[in-house]
Amino acid sequence: MLDIFLGCLLIAAAIFNLIAAIGLLRLPDVYTRMHAASKAGTFGSGLMLVTIAIHAGEINIASRALAGVAFFLLTAPISAHLLARAAYVAGIEPWSGTVRDDLKGHYKDKQGHLSSDDD
């Protein structure tokens, strides 16, 4: 029964990683691609590490796998945010179908300093 459960977890992880890969290939701009990679990729990788932790049955392997999950959950959103901000400051335009750009006109210079409404 445990093997069937672990197999289902691995299939779910592979599906999320496949969705992330398809998102990287099919989505129109760097911002939406980053969203796909950071959300679906992190979840798929996290599921794979949880599967490894359960299957290993040893506390040292399980603790490393769960530490990897925590690392993914802590770093993926931050790195995606920083990459998106760097792309925006560098002048990479959002997709033409983007409905709203809340940052337009708020950067003072190419160094990435945000201006406030008081400036």
Protein backbone atom coordinates (compact mmCIF):
# COMPACT_ATOMS: atom_id res chain seq x y z
CA MET A 1 0.00 0.00 0.00
CA LEU A 2 2.87 2.36 0.80
CA ASP A 3 4.42 1.73 -2.61
CA ILE A 4 1.17 2.70 -4.34
CA PHE A 5 0.96 5.90 -2.28
CA LEU A 6 4.58 6.77 -3.05
CA GLY A 7 4.01 6.03 -6.72
CA CYS A 8 1.03 8.40 -6.75
CA LEU A 9 3.13 11.08 -5.05
CA LEU A 10 5.86 10.66 -7.66
CA ILE A 11 3.36 10.86 -10.51
CA ALA A 12 1.86 14.03 -9.01
CA ALA A 13 5.35 15.51 -8.63
CA ALA A 14 6.19 14.64 -12.22
CA ILE A 15 2.96 16.25 -13.43
CA PHE A 16 3.72 19.48 -11.58
CA ASN A 17 7.26 19.51 -12.96
CA LEU A 18 5.88 18.88 -16.45
CA ILE A 19 3.46 21.79 -16.02
CA ALA A 20 6.38 24.00 -14.98
CA ALA A 21 8.39 22.93 -18.02
CA ILE A 22 5.46 23.52 -20.38
CA GLY A 23 4.91 26.91 -18.75
CA LEU A 24 8.52 27.85 -19.43
CA LEU A 25 8.08 26.97 -23.09
CA ARG A 26 4.57 28.28 -23.74
CA LEU A 27 4.00 31.38 -21.62
CA PRO A 28 4.50 34.72 -23.36
CA ASP A 29 6.94 36.72 -21.22
CA VAL A 30 9.62 36.42 -18.59
CA TYR A 31 7.28 37.33 -15.72
CA THR A 32 4.70 34.63 -16.39
CA ARG A 33 7.45 32.09 -17.10
CA MET A 34 9.01 32.86 -13.75
CA HIS A 35 5.65 32.37 -12.08
CA ALA A 36 5.27 28.92 -13.64
CA ALA A 37 8.79 27.87 -12.73
CA SER A 38 8.63 29.11 -9.16
CA LYS A 39 5.18 27.81 -8.26
CA ALA A 40 4.73 24.52 -10.10
CA GLY A 41 8.43 23.67 -10.11
CA THR A 42 8.80 24.21 -6.39
CA PHE A 43 5.72 22.16 -5.61
CA GLY A 44 6.82 19.31 -7.89
CA SER A 45 10.33 19.25 -6.47
CA GLY A 46 8.97 19.44 -2.94
CA LEU A 47 6.68 16.48 -3.57
CA MET A 48 9.59 14.46 -4.92
CA LEU A 49 11.66 15.23 -1.83
CA VAL A 50 8.76 14.29 0.46
CA THR A 51 8.46 11.01 -1.44
CA ILE A 52 12.16 10.37 -0.92
CA ALA A 53 11.81 11.18 2.78
CA ILE A 54 8.97 8.68 3.20
CA HIS A 55 10.56 5.97 1.07
CA ALA A 56 14.02 6.14 2.64
CA GLY A 57 12.84 5.21 6.10
CA GLU A 58 16.05 6.53 7.62
CA ILE A 59 15.97 9.65 9.75
CA ASN A 60 19.15 11.17 8.31
CA ILE A 61 17.92 10.91 4.71
CA ALA A 62 14.42 12.06 5.63
CA SER A 63 15.75 15.07 7.53
CA ARG A 64 17.91 16.11 4.56
CA ALA A 65 15.00 15.72 2.16
CA LEU A 66 12.70 17.76 4.39
CA ALA A 67 15.42 20.39 4.79
CA GLY A 68 15.50 20.55 0.98
CA VAL A 69 11.73 21.13 0.94
CA ALA A 70 12.11 23.95 3.46
CA PHE A 71 14.95 25.42 1.40
CA PHE A 72 12.81 25.35 -1.77
CA LEU A 73 9.85 26.95 0.00
CA LEU A 74 12.00 29.72 1.47
CA THR A 75 14.15 30.56 -1.54
CA ALA A 76 12.01 30.05 -4.66
CA PRO A 77 9.55 32.91 -4.08
CA ILE A 78 12.32 35.31 -3.08
CA SER A 79 14.51 34.48 -6.04
CA ALA A 80 11.57 34.73 -8.46
CA HIS A 81 10.69 38.15 -7.04
CA LEU A 82 14.28 39.38 -7.33
CA LEU A 83 14.63 38.09 -10.90
CA ALA A 84 11.35 39.72 -11.91
CA ARG A 85 12.40 43.02 -10.38
CA ALA A 86 15.79 42.87 -12.12
CA ALA A 87 14.06 42.15 -15.43
CA TYR A 88 11.68 45.06 -14.90
CA VAL A 89 14.47 47.47 -13.98
CA ALA A 90 16.47 46.29 -17.00
CA GLY A 91 13.56 47.38 -19.17
CA ILE A 92 12.08 44.05 -20.22
CA GLU A 93 8.51 44.89 -21.14
CA PRO A 94 5.60 42.76 -19.93
CA TRP A 95 3.57 40.87 -22.50
CA SER A 96 1.34 43.10 -24.65
CA GLY A 97 -1.75 41.38 -23.21
CA THR A 98 -0.86 42.41 -19.66
CA VAL A 99 -3.84 44.20 -18.19
CA ARG A 100 -2.17 46.23 -15.48
CA ASP A 101 1.36 47.43 -14.69
CA ASP A 102 1.42 48.87 -11.18
CA LEU A 103 5.13 49.73 -11.34
CA LYS A 104 5.00 51.82 -14.51
CA GLY A 105 6.40 55.26 -13.79
CA HIS A 106 7.52 54.44 -10.24
CA TYR A 107 11.20 53.78 -10.89
CA LYS A 108 13.35 56.90 -10.65
CA ASP A 109 16.37 55.49 -12.45
CA LYS A 110 17.94 52.37 -13.90
CA GLN A 111 19.43 51.53 -10.50
CA GLY A 112 16.05 50.21 -9.38
CA HIS A 113 15.19 52.88 -6.83
CA LEU A 114 11.45 53.11 -6.39
CA SER A 115 9.89 56.51 -6.07
CA SER A 116 7.06 57.05 -3.64
CA ASP A 117 3.97 59.15 -4.13
CA ASP A 118 5.64 61.81 -1.92
CA ASP A 119 8.63 62.30 -4.27
